[in-house]
Amino acid sequence: MKYKIPKIVIQTSEALTNAGFEAYLVGGCVRDLLLHKKPKDWDITTNAEPKEIQKLFPKTVYENKFGTVAVINEKTDDETLRVIEITPYRIEAKYSDKRHPDKVCFTKNIEDDLKRRDFTINALALSVEKGVAGKVIDLFDGKKDLERKIIRAVGDPKERFNEDALRILRAVRLATELGFDVSPETQGAIKKQARNLEKIAKERIKDEFVKIIMSQRPSRGMEMMRKLGVLKYVIPELEEGYGIEQNKAHKFTVWEHNLRSLDHAATKGWPFEIRLAALLHDVGKPASRRWDKEKGDWTFYGHDVIGGKMTVKILSRLKFPKKTIELVAKLVRYHLFFSETETITLSAVRRTVRNVGPENIWDLMKVRFCDRIGMGRPKETPYRLRKYESMIEEAMRAPLSVKMLKISGDEVMKLTKEKPGPKIGFILHILLEETLDNPELNNPEHLKKRVLELTKLPEKELEELGKRGKLAREAKERKEIEEIRKKWWVK
């Protein structure tokens, strides 16, 4: 089988073999090549030791105790080729901290190196000979597991997870990204050792969680985490929604609804923050759930406020950046902005825009779309949502007012030596009409000159021109609003 391997990767590998060393592509890049996917990064393993590796390449970085030498390639725009990591074959001692080996020893045997790897589909090595891919070393039937779409630990899964507990979450992440299943024996080990995730840094857990959320079907990973007892060590608050029935407007439990909302965001290819807000938007429901005897139904009053606070706590615990925490918390807190279009006012819409910020208002609408689809509704943008989008655009448009003029009422009074009164208003409305028709006239020099001309007019004529200017502004404003509503197909 032919594999598409970049020239720089081949050259890097051959620099080692030409110097008399062995060299194999290893890990995720081999897995991706076999799956006919473009690798996200390129790793090479060799029997050369770090100092020997560094002598062969002009620019390298070696700042770790595991032997990995990063070969820097600055002459490329492809991020996957900018750094190629080369690691000596190695044997690892026990992992006291459930994450890193206490000691690393270099070996001259590729088989020793492959035995220490996490999953069979990552324990594959591919040689590069004379510019082309050579043989695949497959000690643990990794190729068969790729064909069967199985994530299976190398050797005893208990030992693999006891060495590095983050592999538990990595198994779920790989299964989610690839659309694979986790083998029964590997699942059993995950269930028994999930508690070891308590010893893993939250930053590392966050990294794997983000990759799950950014996959094509993240709900699969979330459900897998719940079933395997992993979710309680990532976001236990979400698990509280499992089996929680909602009111008559919903046909799904809180848990199912949250996952469906998340999947819609993923289907649309929306950014991480929107996906996360879609997942967490109803996280406050279990805590706010009450039975209303009069309605004969469940209520969830205040779950948006509770959910916003819970979101801050959850994301802070997982060490997300402050900016991410603030945005997602806002989207969760204000996801209930929608109400009947017949009763909602433009001022209420403006308040919502102020609450989340003009730069975030359309993200909030996307979360609302996810909420609707998560309820099992067939359409993403029914009339009510389109009407609200129209109202948002109306609320955010720059109002046509005398404040747009590059001359103030105080300046007009100073120039005309007039006291506050209708005459000043008439002049301003005349100026506004003229500048709306010709924006180039909205400059201080012209406006001052025009003020002096207008102030010489008889008061009656000035009043008529001023009223005409006001009517012209109102007509233009109505036309702009009509265009906005036409754009959204609403009245």
Foldseek 3Di string as FASTA:
>chain_A
DFFDDDPVLLVLQVLQVVVPKFKWWFFPCVLQRLVVHHGQATEMEIQDFLVRSVVSADDWDDDDQQRKIWHADPPDPRPRPRTYIYHYQWAFDAAPLQADGPHIDGDHDLVRRLLLDFWQSRSKIWGADPNTIDDIDRPDPNVVCSVQQETETRDQLLRNSSRHVLVLLVSLLVCQQSVGYYDPRNLVSLLVCLVSLLSPQLQSVVVSLLSLLLHLQNLSSVVSCVVSVNVCSQPVLLVLQPPADFWPLFPDTSNLLLSQLLNVCSNVNHDSLLSVLSNQLQSQQSVQWDQDPVVRTIDRPPSLVVSLVVLLVNVVSSVDDPVSNVLSSLLSNCLVLADAPVPDDLVSLLVNCVSNPVVCPVSSLSSNLSSCVSRVDDDSQDQSSLSSVLSNCLSPDDQQDLVPAPADLVRLCVLLVDDDDVLSQLLSLLQSLVCVVPVVCRDPVNSSVVSVVLSPDPPVVSNVSSVVSVVSSVVVSVVVSVVSCVVSVHD
